[in-house]
């Protein structure tokens, strides 16, 4: 893994924590798994990204 890849992963985890996980109580591992899955769907299909001209990753990928 390169330093750039590591930065991307760290940024994703930071976004996961501060935009999603820290907003509510997560009771156990199953709830955590569900919330991470929900966030992954939101992150790729609903949440716009500035580097992608405010498109979602799925929209940027399918319109390439």
PDB file of N, CA and C in Angstrom:
ATOM      1  N   UNK A   1       0.852  -1.172   0.000  1.00  0.00           N
ATOM      2  CA  UNK A   1       0.000   0.000   0.000  1.00  0.00           C
ATOM      3  C   UNK A   1       0.896   1.232   0.000  1.00  0.00           C
ATOM      4  N   UNK A   2       0.572   2.184  -0.837  1.00  0.00           N
ATOM      5  CA  UNK A   2       1.369   3.404  -0.926  1.00  0.00           C
ATOM      6  C   UNK A   2       0.908   4.427   0.105  1.00  0.00           C
ATOM      7  N   UNK A   3       1.705   5.451   0.270  1.00  0.00           N
ATOM      8  CA  UNK A   3       1.352   6.516   1.219  1.00  0.00           C
ATOM      9  C   UNK A   3       0.062   7.211   0.791  1.00  0.00           C
ATOM     10  N   UNK A   4      -0.140   7.390  -0.506  1.00  0.00           N
ATOM     11  CA  UNK A   4      -1.366   8.007  -0.998  1.00  0.00           C
ATOM     12  C   UNK A   4      -2.597   7.180  -0.703  1.00  0.00           C
ATOM     13  N   UNK A   5      -2.475   5.876  -0.865  1.00  0.00           N
ATOM     14  CA  UNK A   5      -3.589   4.975  -0.561  1.00  0.00           C
ATOM     15  C   UNK A   5      -3.920   5.022   0.920  1.00  0.00           C
ATOM     16  N   UNK A   6      -2.886   5.051   1.743  1.00  0.00           N
ATOM     17  CA  UNK A   6      -3.084   5.127   3.183  1.00  0.00           C
ATOM     18  C   UNK A   6      -3.852   6.397   3.549  1.00  0.00           C
ATOM     19  N   UNK A   7      -3.529   7.502   2.908  1.00  0.00           N
ATOM     20  CA  UNK A   7      -4.231   8.758   3.171  1.00  0.00           C
ATOM     21  C   UNK A   7      -5.698   8.687   2.789  1.00  0.00           C
ATOM     22  N   UNK A   8      -5.988   8.037   1.674  1.00  0.00           N
ATOM     23  CA  UNK A   8      -7.373   7.885   1.228  1.00  0.00           C
ATOM     24  C   UNK A   8      -8.162   7.062   2.239  1.00  0.00           C
ATOM     25  N   UNK A   9      -7.562   5.981   2.704  1.00  0.00           N
ATOM     26  CA  UNK A   9      -8.234   5.114   3.686  1.00  0.00           C
ATOM     27  C   UNK A   9      -8.446   5.858   5.002  1.00  0.00           C
ATOM     28  N   UNK A  10      -7.439   6.595   5.457  1.00  0.00           N
ATOM     29  CA  UNK A  10      -7.575   7.362   6.699  1.00  0.00           C
ATOM     30  C   UNK A  10      -8.665   8.415   6.565  1.00  0.00           C
ATOM     31  N   UNK A  11      -8.746   9.070   5.416  1.00  0.00           N
ATOM     32  CA  UNK A  11      -9.781  10.073   5.189  1.00  0.00           C
ATOM     33  C   UNK A  11     -11.164   9.424   5.230  1.00  0.00           C
ATOM     34  N   UNK A  12     -11.310   8.238   4.608  1.00  0.00           N
ATOM     35  CA  UNK A  12     -12.601   7.550   4.602  1.00  0.00           C
ATOM     36  C   UNK A  12     -13.029   7.191   6.033  1.00  0.00           C
ATOM     37  N   UNK A  13     -12.093   6.649   6.812  1.00  0.00           N
ATOM     38  CA  UNK A  13     -12.432   6.300   8.198  1.00  0.00           C
ATOM     39  C   UNK A  13     -12.784   7.533   9.012  1.00  0.00           C
ATOM     40  N   UNK A  14     -12.076   8.640   8.798  1.00  0.00           N
ATOM     41  CA  UNK A  14     -12.414   9.880   9.496  1.00  0.00           C
ATOM     42  C   UNK A  14     -13.809  10.361   9.134  1.00  0.00           C
ATOM     43  N   UNK A  15     -14.144  10.305   7.857  1.00  0.00           N
ATOM     44  CA  UNK A  15     -15.476  10.702   7.414  1.00  0.00           C
ATOM     45  C   UNK A  15     -16.524   9.773   8.005  1.00  0.00           C
ATOM     46  N   UNK A  16     -16.257   8.491   8.000  1.00  0.00           N
ATOM     47  CA  UNK A  16     -17.168   7.514   8.602  1.00  0.00           C
ATOM     48  C   UNK A  16     -17.434   7.856  10.063  1.00  0.00           C
ATOM     49  N   UNK A  17     -16.379   8.104  10.805  1.00  0.00           N
ATOM     50  CA  UNK A  17     -16.541   8.388  12.233  1.00  0.00           C
ATOM     51  C   UNK A  17     -17.280   9.697  12.482  1.00  0.00           C
ATOM     52  N   UNK A  18     -16.825  10.786  11.869  1.00  0.00           N
ATOM     53  CA  UNK A  18     -17.352  12.102  12.218  1.00  0.00           C
ATOM     54  C   UNK A  18     -18.669  12.442  11.545  1.00  0.00           C
ATOM     55  N   UNK A  19     -18.962  11.870  10.385  1.00  0.00           N
ATOM     56  CA  UNK A  19     -20.223  12.169   9.718  1.00  0.00           C
ATOM     57  C   UNK A  19     -21.303  11.136  10.006  1.00  0.00           C
ATOM     58  N   UNK A  20     -20.922   9.996  10.556  1.00  0.00           N
ATOM     59  CA  UNK A  20     -21.938   8.943  10.713  1.00  0.00           C
ATOM     60  C   UNK A  20     -21.919   8.295  12.101  1.00  0.00           C
ATOM     61  N   UNK A  21     -20.808   7.706  12.499  1.00  0.00           N
ATOM     62  CA  UNK A  21     -20.798   6.891  13.717  1.00  0.00           C
ATOM     63  C   UNK A  21     -20.929   7.710  14.994  1.00  0.00           C
ATOM     64  N   UNK A  22     -20.322   8.889  15.056  1.00  0.00           N
ATOM     65  CA  UNK A  22     -20.367   9.677  16.286  1.00  0.00           C
ATOM     66  C   UNK A  22     -21.702  10.377  16.491  1.00  0.00           C
ATOM     67  N   UNK A  23     -22.650  10.209  15.590  1.00  0.00           N
ATOM     68  CA  UNK A  23     -23.943  10.874  15.697  1.00  0.00           C
ATOM     69  C   UNK A  23     -24.972  10.071  16.483  1.00  0.00           C
ATOM     70  N   UNK A  24     -24.643   8.859  16.854  1.00  0.00           N
ATOM     71  CA  UNK A  24     -25.603   8.034  17.579  1.00  0.00           C
ATOM     72  C   UNK A  24     -24.909   6.996  18.431  1.00  0.00           C
ATOM     73  N   UNK A  25     -25.692   6.229  19.156  1.00  0.00           N
ATOM     74  CA  UNK A  25     -25.174   5.176  20.017  1.00  0.00           C
ATOM     75  C   UNK A  25     -25.174   3.864  19.233  1.00  0.00           C
ATOM     76  N   UNK A  26     -24.065   3.168  19.291  1.00  0.00           N
ATOM     77  CA  UNK A  26     -23.947   1.871  18.628  1.00  0.00           C
ATOM     78  C   UNK A  26     -23.771   0.834  19.725  1.00  0.00           C
ATOM     79  N   UNK A  27     -24.753  -0.054  19.845  1.00  0.00           N
ATOM     80  CA  UNK A  27     -24.828  -0.947  20.988  1.00  0.00           C
ATOM     81  C   UNK A  27     -23.878  -2.141  20.924  1.00  0.00           C
ATOM     82  N   UNK A  28     -23.642  -2.684  19.731  1.00  0.00           N
ATOM     83  CA  UNK A  28     -22.827  -3.890  19.644  1.00  0.00           C
ATOM     84  C   UNK A  28     -22.202  -4.018  18.258  1.00  0.00           C
ATOM     85  N   UNK A  29     -21.486  -5.092  18.043  1.00  0.00           N
ATOM     86  CA  UNK A  29     -20.794  -5.312  16.785  1.00  0.00           C
ATOM     87  C   UNK A  29     -21.729  -5.441  15.594  1.00  0.00           C
ATOM     88  N   UNK A  30     -22.888  -6.057  15.802  1.00  0.00           N
ATOM     89  CA  UNK A  30     -23.854  -6.192  14.707  1.00  0.00           C
ATOM     90  C   UNK A  30     -24.380  -4.822  14.280  1.00  0.00           C
ATOM     91  N   UNK A  31     -24.652  -3.959  15.254  1.00  0.00           N
ATOM     92  CA  UNK A  31     -25.120  -2.611  14.939  1.00  0.00           C
ATOM     93  C   UNK A  31     -24.024  -1.816  14.227  1.00  0.00           C
ATOM     94  N   UNK A  32     -22.782  -1.992  14.650  1.00  0.00           N
ATOM     95  CA  UNK A  32     -21.662  -1.327  13.991  1.00  0.00           C
ATOM     96  C   UNK A  32     -21.549  -1.789  12.539  1.00  0.00           C
ATOM     97  N   UNK A  33     -21.662  -3.081  12.310  1.00  0.00           N
ATOM     98  CA  UNK A  33     -21.604  -3.625  10.960  1.00  0.00           C
ATOM     99  C   UNK A  33     -22.699  -3.027  10.085  1.00  0.00           C
ATOM    100  N   UNK A  34     -23.898  -2.934  10.610  1.00  0.00           N
ATOM    101  CA  UNK A  34     -25.013  -2.370   9.868  1.00  0.00           C
ATOM    102  C   UNK A  34     -24.766  -0.894   9.539  1.00  0.00           C
ATOM    103  N   UNK A  35     -24.275  -0.124  10.510  1.00  0.00           N
ATOM    104  CA  UNK A  35     -24.035   1.302  10.302  1.00  0.00           C
ATOM    105  C   UNK A  35     -22.914   1.549   9.298  1.00  0.00           C
ATOM    106  N   UNK A  36     -21.862   0.752   9.330  1.00  0.00           N
ATOM    107  CA  UNK A  36     -20.777   0.900   8.355  1.00  0.00           C
ATOM    108  C   UNK A  36     -21.300   0.579   6.961  1.00  0.00           C
ATOM    109  N   UNK A  37     -22.118  -0.443   6.851  1.00  0.00           N
ATOM    110  CA  UNK A  37     -22.711  -0.787   5.554  1.00  0.00           C
ATOM    111  C   UNK A  37     -23.603   0.344   5.057  1.00  0.00           C
ATOM    112  N   UNK A  38     -24.440   0.901   5.933  1.00  0.00           N
ATOM    113  CA  UNK A  38     -25.302   2.023   5.554  1.00  0.00           C
ATOM    114  C   UNK A  38     -24.475   3.201   5.078  1.00  0.00           C
ATOM    115  N   UNK A  39     -23.398   3.525   5.815  1.00  0.00           N
ATOM    116  CA  UNK A  39     -22.568   4.659   5.440  1.00  0.00           C
ATOM    117  C   UNK A  39     -21.892   4.419   4.093  1.00  0.00           C
ATOM    118  N   UNK A  40     -21.438   3.190   3.860  1.00  0.00           N
ATOM    119  CA  UNK A  40     -20.795   2.887   2.582  1.00  0.00           C
ATOM    120  C   UNK A  40     -21.750   3.142   1.418  1.00  0.00           C
ATOM    121  N   UNK A  41     -22.999   2.767   1.567  1.00  0.00           N
ATOM    122  CA  UNK A  41     -23.994   3.033   0.530  1.00  0.00           C
ATOM    123  C   UNK A  41     -24.223   4.537   0.357  1.00  0.00           C
ATOM    124  N   UNK A  42     -24.360   5.248   1.468  1.00  0.00           N
ATOM    125  CA  UNK A  42     -24.550   6.702   1.426  1.00  0.00           C
ATOM    126  C   UNK A  42     -23.342   7.371   0.774  1.00  0.00           C
ATOM    127  N   UNK A  43     -22.151   6.967   1.176  1.00  0.00           N
ATOM    128  CA  UNK A  43     -20.907   7.569   0.697  1.00  0.00           C
ATOM    129  C   UNK A  43     -20.757   7.415  -0.816  1.00  0.00           C
ATOM    130  N   UNK A  44     -21.152   6.273  -1.344  1.00  0.00           N
ATOM    131  CA  UNK A  44     -20.938   6.009  -2.767  1.00  0.00           C
ATOM    132  C   UNK A  44     -22.116   6.388  -3.660  1.00  0.00           C
ATOM    133  N   UNK A  45     -23.324   6.510  -3.109  1.00  0.00           N
ATOM    134  CA  UNK A  45     -24.479   6.741  -3.975  1.00  0.00           C
ATOM    135  C   UNK A  45     -25.247   8.026  -3.687  1.00  0.00           C
ATOM    136  N   UNK A  46     -25.080   8.629  -2.506  1.00  0.00           N
ATOM    137  CA  UNK A  46     -25.864   9.816  -2.139  1.00  0.00           C
ATOM    138  C   UNK A  46     -24.979  11.033  -1.876  1.00  0.00           C
ATOM    139  N   UNK A  47     -23.879  10.843  -1.155  1.00  0.00           N
ATOM    140  CA  UNK A  47     -23.028  11.953  -0.704  1.00  0.00           C
ATOM    141  C   UNK A  47     -22.170  12.487  -1.857  1.00  0.00           C
ATOM    142  N   UNK A  48     -22.338  13.791  -2.228  1.00  0.00           N
ATOM    143  CA  UNK A  48     -21.507  14.353  -3.283  1.00  0.00           C
ATOM    144  C   UNK A  48     -20.072  14.578  -2.802  1.00  0.00           C
ATOM    145  N   UNK A  49     -19.132  14.527  -3.738  1.00  0.00           N
ATOM    146  CA  UNK A  49     -17.713  14.694  -3.433  1.00  0.00           C
ATOM    147  C   UNK A  49     -17.156  15.847  -4.255  1.00  0.00           C
ATOM    148  N   UNK A  50     -16.496  16.801  -3.595  1.00  0.00           N
ATOM    149  CA  UNK A  50     -15.940  17.957  -4.300  1.00  0.00           C
ATOM    150  C   UNK A  50     -14.951  17.579  -5.394  1.00  0.00           C
ATOM    151  N   UNK A  51     -14.014  16.649  -5.165  1.00  0.00           N
ATOM    152  CA  UNK A  51     -13.072  16.314  -6.240  1.00  0.00           C
ATOM    153  C   UNK A  51     -13.737  15.690  -7.473  1.00  0.00           C
ATOM    154  N   UNK A  52     -14.970  15.249  -7.325  1.00  0.00           N
ATOM    155  CA  UNK A  52     -15.704  14.656  -8.439  1.00  0.00           C
ATOM    156  C   UNK A  52     -16.730  15.636  -8.994  1.00  0.00           C
ATOM    157  N   UNK A  53     -16.463  16.934  -8.847  1.00  0.00           N
ATOM    158  CA  UNK A  53     -17.378  17.984  -9.308  1.00  0.00           C
ATOM    159  C   UNK A  53     -18.756  17.832  -8.678  1.00  0.00           C
ATOM    160  N   UNK A  54     -18.768  17.572  -7.392  1.00  0.00           N
ATOM    161  CA  UNK A  54     -19.990  17.406  -6.594  1.00  0.00           C
ATOM    162  C   UNK A  54     -20.911  16.303  -7.116  1.00  0.00           C
ATOM    163  N   UNK A  55     -20.300  15.272  -7.683  1.00  0.00           N
ATOM    164  CA  UNK A  55     -21.039  14.068  -8.064  1.00  0.00           C
ATOM    165  C   UNK A  55     -20.737  12.974  -7.049  1.00  0.00           C
ATOM    166  N   UNK A  56     -21.575  11.969  -7.027  1.00  0.00           N
ATOM    167  CA  UNK A  56     -21.287  10.818  -6.178  1.00  0.00           C
ATOM    168  C   UNK A  56     -20.280   9.936  -6.911  1.00  0.00           C
ATOM    169  N   UNK A  57     -19.536   9.103  -6.194  1.00  0.00           N
ATOM    170  CA  UNK A  57     -18.599   8.195  -6.873  1.00  0.00           C
ATOM    171  C   UNK A  57     -19.304   7.285  -7.884  1.00  0.00           C
ATOM    172  N   UNK A  58     -20.476   6.792  -7.557  1.00  0.00           N
ATOM    173  CA  UNK A  58     -21.160   5.907  -8.509  1.00  0.00           C
ATOM    174  C   UNK A  58     -21.565   6.679  -9.768  1.00  0.00           C
ATOM    175  N   UNK A  59     -22.001   7.929  -9.635  1.00  0.00           N
ATOM    176  CA  UNK A  59     -22.363   8.735 -10.803  1.00  0.00           C
ATOM    177  C   UNK A  59     -21.122   9.057 -11.633  1.00  0.00           C
ATOM    178  N   UNK A  60     -20.019   9.373 -10.980  1.00  0.00           N
ATOM    179  CA  UNK A  60     -18.785   9.678 -11.702  1.00  0.00           C
ATOM    180  C   UNK A  60     -18.282   8.442 -12.439  1.00  0.00           C
ATOM    181  N   UNK A  61     -18.419   7.291 -11.828  1.00  0.00           N
ATOM    182  CA  UNK A  61     -17.951   6.054 -12.445  1.00  0.00           C
ATOM    183  C   UNK A  61     -18.811   5.671 -13.651  1.00  0.00           C
ATOM    184  N   UNK A  62     -20.120   5.790 -13.516  1.00  0.00           N
ATOM    185  CA  UNK A  62     -21.005   5.345 -14.595  1.00  0.00           C
ATOM    186  C   UNK A  62     -21.041   6.335 -15.751  1.00  0.00           C
ATOM    187  N   UNK A  63     -20.693   7.605 -15.523  1.00  0.00           N
ATOM    188  CA  UNK A  63     -20.728   8.608 -16.590  1.00  0.00           C
ATOM    189  C   UNK A  63     -19.376   8.826 -17.240  1.00  0.00           C
ATOM    190  N   UNK A  64     -18.386   8.043 -16.851  1.00  0.00           N
ATOM    191  CA  UNK A  64     -17.041   8.212 -17.415  1.00  0.00           C
ATOM    192  C   UNK A  64     -16.956   7.719 -18.829  1.00  0.00           C
TER     193      UNK A  64
END
